[in-house]
C-alpha cells in the first residue's frame, strides 16, 4: 500500500504545483492527508485505486478552510468555482470535473497539462 500512497502524494503534488499553490504550508497539508489515509489504506487493501482521489479530496477540504476553493475551474468564465473529484469515492481513475458544467477537466495529476 506504500506505493499507492506515494503515487497519491505525487499526483496531488503535480496538481498543487500546476495551480501555483505548492508552498511549504500546503505541502504540509498534503503530507498530513497522506499520513491520515495510511490507516484507511491498510484496512482496505482492495481500495488501492481509490487512495489518490481520496487524498485529493482531503487536501481540497483542508485548503477550503485555509485559502478557499482549490482547484478552481480553468475553463469557465462564470464566477470562480471549484473542480471536484469524480467518482465521488475517489476512484478508480479519478478525474477533476467542473462543478458548474459537469465537464471533465483533467485526470488527477493532470491539471495544467496541455489539452
N, C-alpha and C. Protein backbone atom coordinates (compact mmCIF):
# COMPACT_ATOMS: atom_id res chain seq x y z
N UNK A 1 0.82 -1.20 0.00
CA UNK A 1 0.00 0.00 0.00
C UNK A 1 0.86 1.26 0.00
N UNK A 2 2.11 1.13 0.40
CA UNK A 2 3.02 2.29 0.40
C UNK A 2 3.15 2.88 -0.99
N UNK A 3 3.21 2.03 -2.02
CA UNK A 3 3.31 2.53 -3.39
C UNK A 3 2.10 3.38 -3.76
N UNK A 4 0.92 2.97 -3.37
CA UNK A 4 -0.28 3.73 -3.69
C UNK A 4 -0.29 5.08 -2.98
N UNK A 5 0.19 5.11 -1.74
CA UNK A 5 0.26 6.36 -1.00
C UNK A 5 1.28 7.31 -1.62
N UNK A 6 2.42 6.76 -2.03
CA UNK A 6 3.43 7.60 -2.68
C UNK A 6 2.93 8.12 -4.02
N UNK A 7 2.23 7.28 -4.75
CA UNK A 7 1.65 7.71 -6.02
C UNK A 7 0.60 8.80 -5.78
N UNK A 8 -0.24 8.61 -4.77
CA UNK A 8 -1.25 9.61 -4.44
C UNK A 8 -0.59 10.94 -4.12
N UNK A 9 0.47 10.90 -3.33
CA UNK A 9 1.19 12.13 -2.99
C UNK A 9 1.73 12.79 -4.26
N UNK A 10 2.30 12.00 -5.14
CA UNK A 10 2.91 12.54 -6.36
C UNK A 10 1.88 13.20 -7.28
N UNK A 11 0.73 12.55 -7.49
CA UNK A 11 -0.24 13.12 -8.43
C UNK A 11 -0.91 14.38 -7.84
N UNK A 12 -1.17 14.38 -6.55
CA UNK A 12 -1.77 15.57 -5.94
C UNK A 12 -0.73 16.70 -5.93
N UNK A 13 0.52 16.37 -5.68
CA UNK A 13 1.59 17.39 -5.71
C UNK A 13 1.70 18.01 -7.10
N UNK A 14 1.58 17.19 -8.15
CA UNK A 14 1.61 17.74 -9.51
C UNK A 14 0.50 18.76 -9.71
N UNK A 15 -0.69 18.46 -9.21
CA UNK A 15 -1.81 19.39 -9.35
C UNK A 15 -1.62 20.64 -8.50
N UNK A 16 -1.06 20.50 -7.32
CA UNK A 16 -0.77 21.67 -6.50
C UNK A 16 0.25 22.57 -7.20
N UNK A 17 1.29 21.96 -7.76
CA UNK A 17 2.30 22.73 -8.47
C UNK A 17 1.72 23.39 -9.72
N UNK A 18 0.91 22.65 -10.46
CA UNK A 18 0.34 23.18 -11.70
C UNK A 18 -0.58 24.37 -11.45
N UNK A 19 -1.19 24.41 -10.28
CA UNK A 19 -2.10 25.51 -9.96
C UNK A 19 -1.43 26.60 -9.13
N UNK A 20 -0.13 26.45 -8.91
CA UNK A 20 0.65 27.51 -8.26
C UNK A 20 0.46 27.67 -6.77
N UNK A 21 0.04 26.63 -6.09
CA UNK A 21 -0.20 26.76 -4.64
C UNK A 21 0.71 25.86 -3.80
N UNK A 22 1.71 25.26 -4.39
CA UNK A 22 2.55 24.30 -3.67
C UNK A 22 3.62 24.99 -2.83
N UNK A 23 3.19 25.73 -1.82
CA UNK A 23 4.14 26.33 -0.89
C UNK A 23 4.34 25.38 0.30
N UNK A 24 5.30 25.65 1.18
CA UNK A 24 5.56 24.72 2.29
C UNK A 24 4.34 24.41 3.15
N UNK A 25 3.50 25.40 3.43
CA UNK A 25 2.31 25.15 4.25
C UNK A 25 1.36 24.18 3.56
N UNK A 26 1.16 24.34 2.26
CA UNK A 26 0.24 23.49 1.51
C UNK A 26 0.82 22.09 1.35
N UNK A 27 2.13 22.00 1.16
CA UNK A 27 2.76 20.67 1.08
C UNK A 27 2.60 19.94 2.41
N UNK A 28 2.63 20.66 3.51
CA UNK A 28 2.39 20.03 4.82
C UNK A 28 0.96 19.50 4.92
N UNK A 29 0.02 20.24 4.32
CA UNK A 29 -1.37 19.76 4.27
C UNK A 29 -1.43 18.44 3.51
N UNK A 30 -0.73 18.38 2.39
CA UNK A 30 -0.69 17.14 1.60
C UNK A 30 -0.07 16.01 2.41
N UNK A 31 1.04 16.28 3.07
CA UNK A 31 1.69 15.24 3.89
C UNK A 31 0.75 14.73 4.97
N UNK A 32 0.02 15.63 5.60
CA UNK A 32 -0.94 15.23 6.63
C UNK A 32 -2.04 14.34 6.04
N UNK A 33 -2.53 14.71 4.86
CA UNK A 33 -3.59 13.92 4.21
C UNK A 33 -3.10 12.52 3.88
N UNK A 34 -1.88 12.41 3.37
CA UNK A 34 -1.31 11.09 3.05
C UNK A 34 -1.16 10.28 4.34
N UNK A 35 -0.65 10.90 5.37
CA UNK A 35 -0.45 10.22 6.65
C UNK A 35 -1.78 9.73 7.22
N UNK A 36 -2.81 10.56 7.15
CA UNK A 36 -4.11 10.18 7.68
C UNK A 36 -4.78 9.08 6.86
N UNK A 37 -4.48 9.00 5.58
CA UNK A 37 -5.07 7.94 4.73
C UNK A 37 -4.33 6.61 4.87
N UNK A 38 -3.17 6.62 5.49
CA UNK A 38 -2.39 5.39 5.65
C UNK A 38 -3.21 4.31 6.37
N UNK A 39 -3.84 4.68 7.48
CA UNK A 39 -4.64 3.70 8.23
C UNK A 39 -5.76 3.16 7.35
N UNK A 40 -6.47 4.05 6.67
CA UNK A 40 -7.57 3.64 5.79
C UNK A 40 -7.07 2.65 4.75
N UNK A 41 -5.93 2.97 4.15
CA UNK A 41 -5.38 2.13 3.09
C UNK A 41 -4.97 0.75 3.63
N UNK A 42 -4.46 0.73 4.83
CA UNK A 42 -4.07 -0.55 5.44
C UNK A 42 -5.29 -1.41 5.76
N UNK A 43 -6.40 -0.77 6.11
CA UNK A 43 -7.61 -1.51 6.45
C UNK A 43 -8.35 -2.04 5.22
N UNK A 44 -8.15 -1.39 4.09
CA UNK A 44 -8.86 -1.78 2.88
C UNK A 44 -7.89 -1.87 1.70
N UNK A 45 -7.05 -2.91 1.67
CA UNK A 45 -6.06 -3.04 0.60
C UNK A 45 -6.68 -3.07 -0.79
N UNK A 46 -7.89 -3.59 -0.91
CA UNK A 46 -8.55 -3.64 -2.22
C UNK A 46 -8.93 -2.25 -2.72
N UNK A 47 -8.86 -1.26 -1.86
CA UNK A 47 -9.22 0.10 -2.23
C UNK A 47 -8.06 0.92 -2.76
N UNK A 48 -7.00 0.27 -3.17
CA UNK A 48 -5.80 1.00 -3.62
C UNK A 48 -6.10 1.99 -4.73
N UNK A 49 -7.00 1.66 -5.62
CA UNK A 49 -7.29 2.56 -6.75
C UNK A 49 -8.06 3.80 -6.32
N UNK A 50 -8.49 3.86 -5.07
CA UNK A 50 -9.24 5.00 -4.56
C UNK A 50 -8.38 6.00 -3.78
N UNK A 51 -7.19 5.59 -3.40
CA UNK A 51 -6.36 6.39 -2.50
C UNK A 51 -6.03 7.76 -3.08
N UNK A 52 -5.64 7.84 -4.33
CA UNK A 52 -5.27 9.13 -4.93
C UNK A 52 -6.41 10.13 -4.88
N UNK A 53 -7.58 9.71 -5.30
CA UNK A 53 -8.74 10.59 -5.29
C UNK A 53 -9.14 11.01 -3.90
N UNK A 54 -9.02 10.10 -2.94
CA UNK A 54 -9.38 10.43 -1.56
C UNK A 54 -8.39 11.42 -0.96
N UNK A 55 -7.11 11.24 -1.25
CA UNK A 55 -6.11 12.20 -0.77
C UNK A 55 -6.38 13.57 -1.39
N UNK A 56 -6.69 13.60 -2.68
CA UNK A 56 -7.01 14.88 -3.33
C UNK A 56 -8.20 15.55 -2.66
N UNK A 57 -9.23 14.78 -2.34
CA UNK A 57 -10.40 15.34 -1.67
C UNK A 57 -10.05 15.84 -0.27
N UNK A 58 -9.20 15.10 0.44
CA UNK A 58 -8.77 15.53 1.77
C UNK A 58 -8.03 16.87 1.70
N UNK A 59 -7.13 16.99 0.72
CA UNK A 59 -6.38 18.24 0.54
C UNK A 59 -7.35 19.36 0.17
N UNK A 60 -8.24 19.07 -0.74
CA UNK A 60 -9.22 20.07 -1.17
C UNK A 60 -10.03 20.58 0.03
N UNK A 61 -10.49 19.69 0.89
CA UNK A 61 -11.26 20.08 2.07
C UNK A 61 -10.42 20.95 3.01
N UNK A 62 -9.18 20.55 3.24
CA UNK A 62 -8.30 21.31 4.14
C UNK A 62 -7.98 22.68 3.57
N UNK A 63 -7.79 22.78 2.26
CA UNK A 63 -7.47 24.07 1.65
C UNK A 63 -8.67 25.01 1.64
N UNK A 64 -9.87 24.47 1.59
CA UNK A 64 -11.07 25.31 1.63
C UNK A 64 -11.06 26.17 2.89
N UNK A 65 -10.65 25.58 3.99
CA UNK A 65 -10.58 26.30 5.26
C UNK A 65 -9.45 27.32 5.29
N UNK A 66 -8.35 27.04 4.59
CA UNK A 66 -7.16 27.89 4.65
C UNK A 66 -7.15 29.01 3.60
N UNK A 67 -7.54 28.67 2.37
CA UNK A 67 -7.36 29.63 1.28
C UNK A 67 -8.54 29.74 0.34
N UNK A 68 -9.55 28.97 0.56
CA UNK A 68 -10.70 28.99 -0.33
C UNK A 68 -10.70 27.80 -1.27
N UNK A 69 -11.46 27.91 -2.32
CA UNK A 69 -11.65 26.79 -3.24
C UNK A 69 -10.35 26.45 -3.98
N UNK A 70 -10.11 25.16 -4.05
CA UNK A 70 -8.98 24.63 -4.83
C UNK A 70 -9.37 23.26 -5.34
N UNK A 71 -9.01 22.95 -6.55
CA UNK A 71 -8.59 23.84 -7.62
C UNK A 71 -9.80 24.53 -8.22
N UNK A 72 -9.59 25.71 -8.78
CA UNK A 72 -10.70 26.42 -9.43
C UNK A 72 -10.74 26.02 -10.89
N UNK A 73 -11.91 26.14 -11.47
CA UNK A 73 -12.10 25.75 -12.86
C UNK A 73 -11.33 26.70 -13.78
N UNK A 74 -10.48 26.15 -14.64
CA UNK A 74 -9.69 26.99 -15.55
C UNK A 74 -10.42 27.31 -16.85
N UNK A 75 -11.58 26.74 -17.07
CA UNK A 75 -12.26 26.89 -18.36
C UNK A 75 -13.44 27.84 -18.37
N UNK A 76 -14.23 27.80 -17.34
CA UNK A 76 -15.47 28.60 -17.33
C UNK A 76 -15.17 30.06 -17.06
N UNK A 77 -15.95 30.90 -17.66
CA UNK A 77 -15.80 32.34 -17.43
C UNK A 77 -16.81 32.84 -16.41
N UNK A 78 -17.58 31.95 -15.85
CA UNK A 78 -18.56 32.31 -14.82
C UNK A 78 -17.81 32.66 -13.53
N UNK A 79 -18.55 32.92 -12.49
CA UNK A 79 -17.94 33.21 -11.19
C UNK A 79 -16.97 32.08 -10.81
N UNK A 80 -16.00 32.41 -10.01
CA UNK A 80 -15.00 31.42 -9.58
C UNK A 80 -15.71 30.25 -8.92
N UNK A 81 -15.37 29.07 -9.38
CA UNK A 81 -15.94 27.86 -8.81
C UNK A 81 -14.91 26.74 -8.89
N UNK A 82 -15.12 25.74 -8.10
CA UNK A 82 -14.13 24.68 -7.93
C UNK A 82 -14.36 23.51 -8.89
N UNK A 83 -13.34 22.69 -8.93
CA UNK A 83 -13.43 21.38 -9.56
C UNK A 83 -13.67 20.38 -8.44
N UNK A 84 -14.17 19.22 -8.78
CA UNK A 84 -14.30 18.16 -7.80
C UNK A 84 -13.84 16.85 -8.41
N UNK A 85 -13.48 15.92 -7.54
CA UNK A 85 -13.03 14.60 -7.98
C UNK A 85 -14.24 13.74 -8.30
N UNK A 86 -14.16 13.07 -9.43
CA UNK A 86 -15.19 12.12 -9.85
C UNK A 86 -14.50 10.81 -10.19
N UNK A 87 -14.98 9.68 -9.79
CA UNK A 87 -16.18 9.47 -8.99
C UNK A 87 -16.00 9.97 -7.56
N UNK A 88 -17.12 10.17 -6.92
CA UNK A 88 -17.14 10.78 -5.60
C UNK A 88 -16.30 10.04 -4.57
N UNK A 89 -16.23 8.73 -4.66
CA UNK A 89 -15.43 7.95 -3.72
C UNK A 89 -13.94 8.05 -4.02
N UNK A 90 -13.57 8.72 -5.09
CA UNK A 90 -12.16 8.96 -5.36
C UNK A 90 -11.53 8.02 -6.36
N UNK A 91 -12.24 7.09 -6.90
CA UNK A 91 -11.63 6.19 -7.86
C UNK A 91 -12.60 5.14 -8.32
N UNK A 92 -12.18 4.25 -9.12
CA UNK A 92 -10.86 4.23 -9.76
C UNK A 92 -10.79 5.28 -10.88
N UNK A 93 -9.59 5.58 -11.31
CA UNK A 93 -9.34 6.55 -12.39
C UNK A 93 -9.99 7.89 -12.10
N UNK A 94 -9.61 8.56 -11.01
CA UNK A 94 -10.25 9.82 -10.65
C UNK A 94 -9.91 10.94 -11.65
N UNK A 95 -10.88 11.80 -11.86
CA UNK A 95 -10.72 12.96 -12.74
C UNK A 95 -11.27 14.19 -12.04
N UNK A 96 -10.73 15.36 -12.42
CA UNK A 96 -11.27 16.63 -11.95
C UNK A 96 -12.40 17.03 -12.88
N UNK A 97 -13.54 17.42 -12.30
CA UNK A 97 -14.73 17.78 -13.06
C UNK A 97 -15.19 19.16 -12.60
N UNK A 98 -15.64 19.98 -13.54
CA UNK A 98 -16.17 21.31 -13.24
C UNK A 98 -17.47 21.17 -12.46
N UNK A 99 -17.57 21.86 -11.32
CA UNK A 99 -18.79 21.74 -10.52
C UNK A 99 -19.97 22.45 -11.16
N UNK A 100 -19.74 23.37 -12.07
CA UNK A 100 -20.82 24.10 -12.72
C UNK A 100 -21.36 23.35 -13.94
N UNK A 101 -20.46 22.95 -14.84
CA UNK A 101 -20.89 22.35 -16.11
C UNK A 101 -20.90 20.83 -16.10
N UNK A 102 -20.16 20.23 -15.15
CA UNK A 102 -20.04 18.77 -15.13
C UNK A 102 -19.04 18.26 -16.15
N UNK A 103 -18.29 19.17 -16.76
CA UNK A 103 -17.31 18.80 -17.78
C UNK A 103 -16.05 18.24 -17.14
N UNK A 104 -15.54 17.14 -17.68
CA UNK A 104 -14.27 16.60 -17.22
C UNK A 104 -13.16 17.54 -17.67
N UNK A 105 -12.32 17.95 -16.72
CA UNK A 105 -11.25 18.92 -17.00
C UNK A 105 -9.91 18.22 -17.18
N UNK A 106 -9.57 17.30 -16.29
CA UNK A 106 -8.27 16.62 -16.35
C UNK A 106 -8.28 15.42 -15.42
N UNK A 107 -7.43 14.44 -15.73
CA UNK A 107 -7.27 13.36 -14.76
C UNK A 107 -6.54 13.89 -13.52
N UNK A 108 -6.70 13.21 -12.42
CA UNK A 108 -5.95 13.58 -11.21
C UNK A 108 -4.47 13.55 -11.57
N UNK A 109 -3.77 14.62 -11.25
CA UNK A 109 -2.35 14.74 -11.59
C UNK A 109 -2.13 15.41 -12.93
N UNK A 110 -3.20 15.75 -13.63
CA UNK A 110 -3.08 16.30 -14.97
C UNK A 110 -3.51 17.75 -15.13
N UNK A 111 -3.74 18.45 -14.03
CA UNK A 111 -4.09 19.86 -14.16
C UNK A 111 -2.90 20.61 -14.74
N UNK A 112 -3.18 21.53 -15.60
CA UNK A 112 -2.12 22.32 -16.21
C UNK A 112 -1.47 21.66 -17.41
N UNK A 113 -1.84 20.43 -17.70
CA UNK A 113 -1.27 19.73 -18.87
C UNK A 113 -1.93 20.28 -20.13
N UNK A 114 -1.19 20.35 -21.24
CA UNK A 114 -1.81 20.83 -22.48
C UNK A 114 -2.97 19.93 -22.89
N UNK A 115 -3.99 20.55 -23.44
CA UNK A 115 -5.18 19.78 -23.85
C UNK A 115 -4.99 19.15 -25.19
